[in-house]
């Protein structure tokens, strides 16, 4: 007989109420709703993401890493908006086979990142499902009124930048699924990047007043660049040779150059892609140094009639089977 998860209220009291202890308006998760008094003169920013077993994480991924990824992908959205994170709401859909130990590890993962990013659980819901295992998290942040960075603010001639490195997560998934076999140290690194993205919180907040448009790279660089351009009414050119990649990805590309398609369209990077005027370059470099965030200029925004394209080493537009991940 499959093990049964604990009673809903015991589960909440044991594993999740402690995650809400620092939020007075969460009332120890003992009420039907939470309350929150925003900082004077601030606007709230909301974002929600769901992750599903077999789609966003693998069945054998560690429970604590799944929890941390769930929180971090939402925090990454707040970072892209220039927002300071405050708290989050969580819905968990447990399968009958889930163990108490798995749930405890999941809660520990949330607790570890709550401390790291100074957020707390405000409330949510817990339900059962025949499968697959799934989780939904709504993150709440704040910005100065009218200062939220949007996709639609890009201006003609703006430089395009990305933080961090691209392609690690997509290749990490390929490694985890047995579709790619790099050197052991590279495999370990790539899988870790797939499981645990790095939301660029400090850098994102510092972009307010510098960047015209911003979003995080979740569906793939080319797909998300297309989203930014569509909302801004512009086109773009990026240089494939300018894309920042880790040593692990560089080693994979050296042996399999065709993997550049995966690097540019694979998704799950959760790095920031943003557009800023050329005169902001020095300030962006200073922000990168202060926040210890690698930043690379990869192209610029152009007239919409010229479309969105990545250029190869010969200056020719690259053609991709698809621009990025798409939900059906």
Protein backbone atom coordinates (compact mmCIF):
# COMPACT_ATOMS: atom_id res chain seq x y z
CA UNK A 1 0.00 0.00 0.00
CA UNK A 2 1.33 3.42 -0.91
CA UNK A 3 2.19 5.67 2.04
CA UNK A 4 -0.42 8.29 2.84
CA UNK A 5 0.53 11.93 3.30
CA UNK A 6 -0.27 13.49 6.68
CA UNK A 7 -3.56 15.18 7.36
CA UNK A 8 -3.79 18.57 5.62
CA UNK A 9 -3.87 20.59 8.84
CA UNK A 10 -1.08 18.60 10.46
CA UNK A 11 1.01 19.09 7.32
CA UNK A 12 0.46 22.85 7.40
CA UNK A 13 1.15 23.16 11.11
CA UNK A 14 4.28 21.01 11.02
CA UNK A 15 6.02 22.02 7.80
CA UNK A 16 4.59 25.28 6.50
CA UNK A 17 3.42 27.39 9.44
CA UNK A 18 7.08 27.83 10.53
CA UNK A 19 7.76 29.39 7.12
CA UNK A 20 5.15 32.06 7.88
CA UNK A 21 6.36 32.87 11.39
CA UNK A 22 8.03 36.16 10.39
CA UNK A 23 4.93 37.52 8.62
CA UNK A 24 2.43 38.90 11.16
CA UNK A 25 -0.31 39.11 8.55
CA UNK A 26 -0.05 35.39 7.81
CA UNK A 27 -1.52 34.63 11.27
CA UNK A 28 0.43 31.41 11.53
CA UNK A 29 -1.50 30.10 8.50
CA UNK A 30 -4.45 29.61 10.83
CA UNK A 31 -6.91 31.81 8.96
CA UNK A 32 -8.56 31.80 5.53
CA UNK A 33 -6.51 34.72 4.23
CA UNK A 34 -3.50 36.90 4.95
CA UNK A 35 -3.30 40.67 5.31
CA UNK A 36 -0.52 43.06 4.43
CA UNK A 37 0.00 46.79 4.85
CA UNK A 38 2.12 48.12 1.94
CA UNK A 39 4.92 50.56 2.60
CA UNK A 40 3.67 54.16 2.28
CA UNK A 41 3.71 55.38 -1.30
CA UNK A 42 4.77 52.06 -2.82
CA UNK A 43 3.10 49.99 -5.54
CA UNK A 44 2.76 46.24 -5.24
CA UNK A 45 3.97 43.89 -7.98
CA UNK A 46 2.49 40.41 -8.40
CA UNK A 47 3.73 37.43 -10.38
CA UNK A 48 2.71 33.77 -10.43
CA UNK A 49 4.31 30.65 -11.87
CA UNK A 50 3.44 26.97 -11.68
CA UNK A 51 5.86 24.07 -12.02
CA UNK A 52 4.74 20.58 -12.95
CA UNK A 53 6.51 17.24 -12.64
CA UNK A 54 7.76 16.05 -16.00
CA UNK A 55 7.53 19.54 -17.49
CA UNK A 56 9.51 21.87 -15.22
CA UNK A 57 11.29 19.34 -13.01
CA UNK A 58 12.18 15.67 -13.23
CA UNK A 59 10.62 12.98 -11.02
CA UNK A 60 13.95 12.21 -9.36
CA UNK A 61 14.98 15.81 -8.71
CA UNK A 62 15.60 16.42 -4.97
CA UNK A 63 12.61 17.85 -3.13
CA UNK A 64 14.53 20.76 -1.64
CA UNK A 65 15.87 21.76 -5.07
CA UNK A 66 12.36 21.68 -6.56
CA UNK A 67 11.16 24.02 -3.81
CA UNK A 68 14.05 26.39 -4.31
CA UNK A 69 13.53 26.48 -8.07
CA UNK A 70 9.82 27.20 -7.55
CA UNK A 71 10.58 30.20 -5.37
CA UNK A 72 13.48 31.44 -7.46
CA UNK A 73 11.69 31.48 -10.82
CA UNK A 74 9.09 33.78 -9.27
CA UNK A 75 11.70 35.96 -7.60
CA UNK A 76 13.40 36.23 -10.99
CA UNK A 77 10.21 37.77 -12.39
CA UNK A 78 10.25 40.33 -9.58
CA UNK A 79 13.92 41.06 -10.29
CA UNK A 80 13.10 41.72 -13.94
CA UNK A 81 10.48 44.24 -12.84
CA UNK A 82 12.91 46.05 -10.53
CA UNK A 83 10.88 45.02 -7.48
CA UNK A 84 11.88 44.22 -3.93
CA UNK A 85 10.41 40.86 -2.83
CA UNK A 86 8.09 40.81 0.18
CA UNK A 87 6.31 37.47 0.48
CA UNK A 88 4.55 34.70 -1.39
CA UNK A 89 1.47 32.47 -1.55
CA UNK A 90 1.88 28.76 -2.23
CA UNK A 91 -0.41 26.02 -3.55
CA UNK A 92 0.82 22.45 -3.34
CA UNK A 93 -0.81 19.49 -5.12
CA UNK A 94 0.53 16.30 -3.56
CA UNK A 95 0.32 12.87 -5.17
CA UNK A 96 -0.75 9.85 -3.04
CA UNK A 97 2.76 8.37 -3.15
CA UNK A 98 4.49 11.42 -1.70
CA UNK A 99 6.24 10.76 1.60
CA UNK A 100 6.42 12.83 4.76
CA UNK A 101 10.19 12.93 4.35
CA UNK A 102 9.82 14.38 0.85
CA UNK A 103 7.46 17.09 2.11
CA UNK A 104 9.83 17.92 4.96
CA UNK A 105 12.73 18.31 2.52
CA UNK A 106 10.57 20.51 0.28
CA UNK A 107 9.78 22.79 3.23
CA UNK A 108 13.48 22.93 4.19
CA UNK A 109 14.34 24.09 0.69
CA UNK A 110 11.82 26.91 0.94
CA UNK A 111 13.14 27.86 4.36
CA UNK A 112 16.71 28.06 3.14
CA UNK A 113 15.83 30.43 0.31
CA UNK A 114 13.48 32.50 2.46
CA UNK A 115 16.48 33.38 4.60
CA UNK A 116 18.64 34.03 1.56
CA UNK A 117 16.16 36.35 -0.16
CA UNK A 118 14.40 37.81 2.91
CA UNK A 119 10.86 36.69 2.07
CA UNK A 120 8.28 34.64 3.93
CA UNK A 121 5.25 32.50 3.25
CA UNK A 122 1.97 34.40 3.62
CA UNK A 123 -0.54 31.66 2.89
CA UNK A 124 -1.86 29.32 0.23
CA UNK A 125 -3.55 25.97 -0.18
CA UNK A 126 -2.70 22.30 -0.13
CA UNK A 127 -4.61 19.70 -2.14
CA UNK A 128 -4.20 16.15 -3.38
CA UNK A 129 -3.93 15.05 -7.00
CA UNK A 130 -3.63 11.71 -8.83
CA UNK A 131 -0.66 13.30 -10.59
CA UNK A 132 1.54 14.75 -11.71
CA UNK A 133 2.99 16.56 -8.73
CA UNK A 134 2.56 20.31 -9.16
CA UNK A 135 3.10 23.58 -7.31
CA UNK A 136 1.95 27.15 -7.88
CA UNK A 137 3.57 30.16 -6.23
CA UNK A 138 2.50 33.79 -6.30
CA UNK A 139 5.24 36.24 -5.33
CA UNK A 140 4.57 39.79 -4.17
CA UNK A 141 7.05 42.66 -4.36
CA UNK A 142 7.07 46.45 -4.30
CA UNK A 143 8.41 49.33 -6.38
CA UNK A 144 8.20 53.09 -6.37
CA UNK A 145 5.00 54.24 -8.15
CA UNK A 146 5.34 54.05 -11.90
CA UNK A 147 8.83 52.53 -11.71
CA UNK A 148 8.09 48.91 -12.56
CA UNK A 149 10.23 47.83 -15.50
CA UNK A 150 8.08 46.51 -18.33
CA UNK A 151 8.62 44.67 -21.60
CA UNK A 152 7.13 47.53 -23.56
CA UNK A 153 9.58 50.33 -22.80
CA UNK A 154 12.34 49.54 -25.28
CA UNK A 155 13.45 52.41 -27.52
CA UNK A 156 15.03 52.48 -30.95
CA UNK A 157 18.82 52.16 -30.66
CA UNK A 158 18.80 50.76 -27.12
CA UNK A 159 21.57 48.32 -26.28
CA UNK A 160 20.52 44.80 -25.32
CA UNK A 161 22.13 43.09 -22.34
CA UNK A 162 21.88 39.79 -20.47
CA UNK A 163 23.10 38.89 -17.01
CA UNK A 164 25.04 35.76 -16.18
CA UNK A 165 25.48 32.99 -18.73
CA UNK A 166 23.06 31.36 -21.15
CA UNK A 167 22.41 27.74 -21.99
CA UNK A 168 23.49 26.16 -18.70
CA UNK A 169 20.01 25.07 -17.68
CA UNK A 170 18.94 23.74 -21.08
CA UNK A 171 22.10 21.67 -21.38
CA UNK A 172 21.77 20.67 -17.73
CA UNK A 173 18.35 19.21 -18.49
CA UNK A 174 19.83 17.30 -21.42
CA UNK A 175 22.50 15.89 -19.09
CA UNK A 176 19.93 14.92 -16.45
CA UNK A 177 17.85 13.16 -19.10
CA UNK A 178 20.86 11.29 -20.47
CA UNK A 179 20.82 13.11 -23.83
CA UNK A 180 24.21 14.78 -23.29
CA UNK A 181 27.36 13.40 -21.66
CA UNK A 182 29.98 16.08 -20.96
CA UNK A 183 32.90 15.70 -18.56
CA UNK A 184 31.80 14.88 -15.03
CA UNK A 185 32.61 18.29 -13.53
CA UNK A 186 30.77 20.03 -16.37
CA UNK A 187 27.79 17.71 -15.97
CA UNK A 188 27.58 18.47 -12.26
CA UNK A 189 27.71 22.20 -12.89
CA UNK A 190 25.10 22.17 -15.66
CA UNK A 191 22.63 20.10 -13.65
CA UNK A 192 23.04 22.43 -10.69
CA UNK A 193 22.21 25.39 -12.91
CA UNK A 194 19.10 23.63 -14.23
CA UNK A 195 17.89 22.87 -10.73
CA UNK A 196 18.81 26.12 -9.00
CA UNK A 197 18.57 29.34 -11.04
CA UNK A 198 20.01 32.57 -9.65
CA UNK A 199 17.47 35.42 -9.45
CA UNK A 200 19.30 38.72 -9.94
CA UNK A 201 17.51 40.62 -7.18
CA UNK A 202 19.98 43.39 -6.36
CA UNK A 203 20.87 44.00 -9.99
CA UNK A 204 17.22 44.09 -11.04
CA UNK A 205 16.35 46.72 -8.46
CA UNK A 206 19.35 48.76 -9.57
CA UNK A 207 18.11 48.77 -13.17
CA UNK A 208 15.23 51.08 -12.26
CA UNK A 209 16.07 54.40 -13.86
CA UNK A 210 18.67 52.82 -16.16
CA UNK A 211 16.82 50.27 -18.28
CA UNK A 212 13.91 51.02 -20.59
CA UNK A 213 12.59 47.44 -20.74
CA UNK A 214 13.30 44.18 -18.96
CA UNK A 215 12.18 40.57 -18.57
CA UNK A 216 13.76 37.33 -17.46
CA UNK A 217 14.83 34.59 -19.86
CA UNK A 218 12.55 31.67 -19.04
CA UNK A 219 11.36 30.36 -22.43
CA UNK A 220 14.67 30.90 -24.24
CA UNK A 221 16.65 33.94 -25.31
CA UNK A 222 15.18 34.22 -28.81
CA UNK A 223 11.60 33.68 -27.65
CA UNK A 224 11.86 36.19 -24.82
CA UNK A 225 13.68 38.72 -26.98
CA UNK A 226 10.81 38.41 -29.44
CA UNK A 227 8.34 39.09 -26.60
CA UNK A 228 10.24 42.24 -25.58
CA UNK A 229 10.39 43.46 -29.17
CA UNK A 230 6.70 42.77 -29.80
CA UNK A 231 5.69 44.75 -26.73
CA UNK A 232 8.08 47.59 -27.57
CA UNK A 233 7.14 47.70 -31.26
CA UNK A 234 10.73 47.19 -32.38
CA UNK A 235 13.09 44.68 -33.95
CA UNK A 236 16.45 43.45 -32.71
CA UNK A 237 19.83 42.15 -33.77
CA UNK A 238 21.95 40.05 -31.45
CA UNK A 239 25.39 38.59 -32.12
CA UNK A 240 25.65 34.88 -31.37
CA UNK A 241 29.38 35.29 -30.77
CA UNK A 242 28.67 37.85 -28.04
CA UNK A 243 26.49 35.54 -25.95
CA UNK A 244 28.00 34.86 -22.53
CA UNK A 245 28.47 31.14 -21.84
CA UNK A 246 30.03 29.21 -18.99
CA UNK A 247 33.14 27.09 -19.39
CA UNK A 248 30.89 24.00 -19.25
CA UNK A 249 28.71 25.22 -22.13
CA UNK A 250 31.79 26.31 -24.10
CA UNK A 251 33.19 22.80 -23.78
CA UNK A 252 29.91 21.31 -25.03
CA UNK A 253 29.83 23.72 -27.98
CA UNK A 254 33.42 22.89 -28.86
CA UNK A 255 32.51 19.24 -29.32
CA UNK A 256 28.98 19.81 -30.68
CA UNK A 257 28.61 23.24 -32.36
CA UNK A 258 24.97 22.52 -33.21
CA UNK A 259 24.13 22.90 -29.53
CA UNK A 260 24.19 26.67 -30.08
CA UNK A 261 20.50 26.30 -31.02
CA UNK A 262 19.77 24.88 -27.57
CA UNK A 263 21.80 27.60 -25.88
CA UNK A 264 19.79 30.31 -27.63
CA UNK A 265 16.33 28.77 -27.44
CA UNK A 266 16.36 26.18 -24.64
CA UNK A 267 15.12 28.34 -21.77
CA UNK A 268 15.19 27.98 -17.97
CA UNK A 269 18.11 30.44 -17.73
CA UNK A 270 16.21 32.93 -15.54
CA UNK A 271 18.78 35.58 -16.36
CA UNK A 272 17.71 39.16 -17.05
CA UNK A 273 17.38 40.43 -20.61
CA UNK A 274 17.08 44.20 -20.76
CA UNK A 275 17.27 47.20 -23.06
CA UNK A 276 19.02 50.41 -22.05
CA UNK A 277 20.27 53.56 -23.80
CA UNK A 278 23.93 53.72 -24.76
CA UNK A 279 24.60 56.56 -22.32
CA UNK A 280 23.70 54.21 -19.44
CA UNK A 281 26.57 51.83 -20.20
CA UNK A 282 28.90 53.17 -17.51
CA UNK A 283 26.17 53.12 -14.86
CA UNK A 284 25.24 49.56 -15.82
CA UNK A 285 28.87 48.49 -15.51
CA UNK A 286 29.06 50.10 -12.07
CA UNK A 287 25.84 48.37 -10.99
CA UNK A 288 27.21 45.05 -12.21
CA UNK A 289 30.33 45.50 -10.09
CA UNK A 290 28.41 46.60 -6.99
CA UNK A 291 26.00 43.69 -7.20
CA UNK A 292 28.63 41.16 -8.32
CA UNK A 293 26.54 40.35 -11.40
CA UNK A 294 28.11 39.46 -14.75
CA UNK A 295 26.52 41.52 -17.54
CA UNK A 296 27.13 41.31 -21.30
CA UNK A 297 25.97 43.52 -24.17
CA UNK A 298 24.67 41.23 -26.91
CA UNK A 299 22.99 43.52 -29.46
CA UNK A 300 20.58 46.40 -29.93
CA UNK A 301 16.99 47.30 -30.74
CA UNK A 302 16.27 48.33 -34.33
CA UNK A 303 13.33 49.25 -36.53
CA UNK A 304 10.49 46.73 -36.33
CA UNK A 305 10.50 46.31 -40.12
CA UNK A 306 13.92 44.64 -39.86
CA UNK A 307 12.59 41.90 -37.61
CA UNK A 308 14.27 39.98 -34.78
CA UNK A 309 17.35 37.97 -35.61
CA UNK A 310 20.56 36.49 -34.25
CA UNK A 311 23.59 36.74 -36.50
CA UNK A 312 26.20 34.00 -36.84
CA UNK A 313 29.94 34.54 -37.15
CA UNK A 314 29.54 35.47 -40.84
CA UNK A 315 26.90 38.08 -40.09
CA UNK A 316 24.10 35.90 -41.47
CA UNK A 317 20.72 35.45 -39.71
CA UNK A 318 20.45 32.14 -37.90
CA UNK A 319 17.44 29.88 -38.39
CA UNK A 320 16.03 27.93 -35.43
CA UNK A 321 13.54 25.02 -35.43
CA UNK A 322 11.68 26.98 -32.76
CA UNK A 323 12.44 30.17 -30.86
CA UNK A 324 11.90 28.72 -27.39
CA UNK A 325 9.75 26.65 -25.09
CA UNK A 326 5.99 26.92 -25.63
CA UNK A 327 3.18 25.54 -23.49
CA UNK A 328 0.45 23.79 -25.40
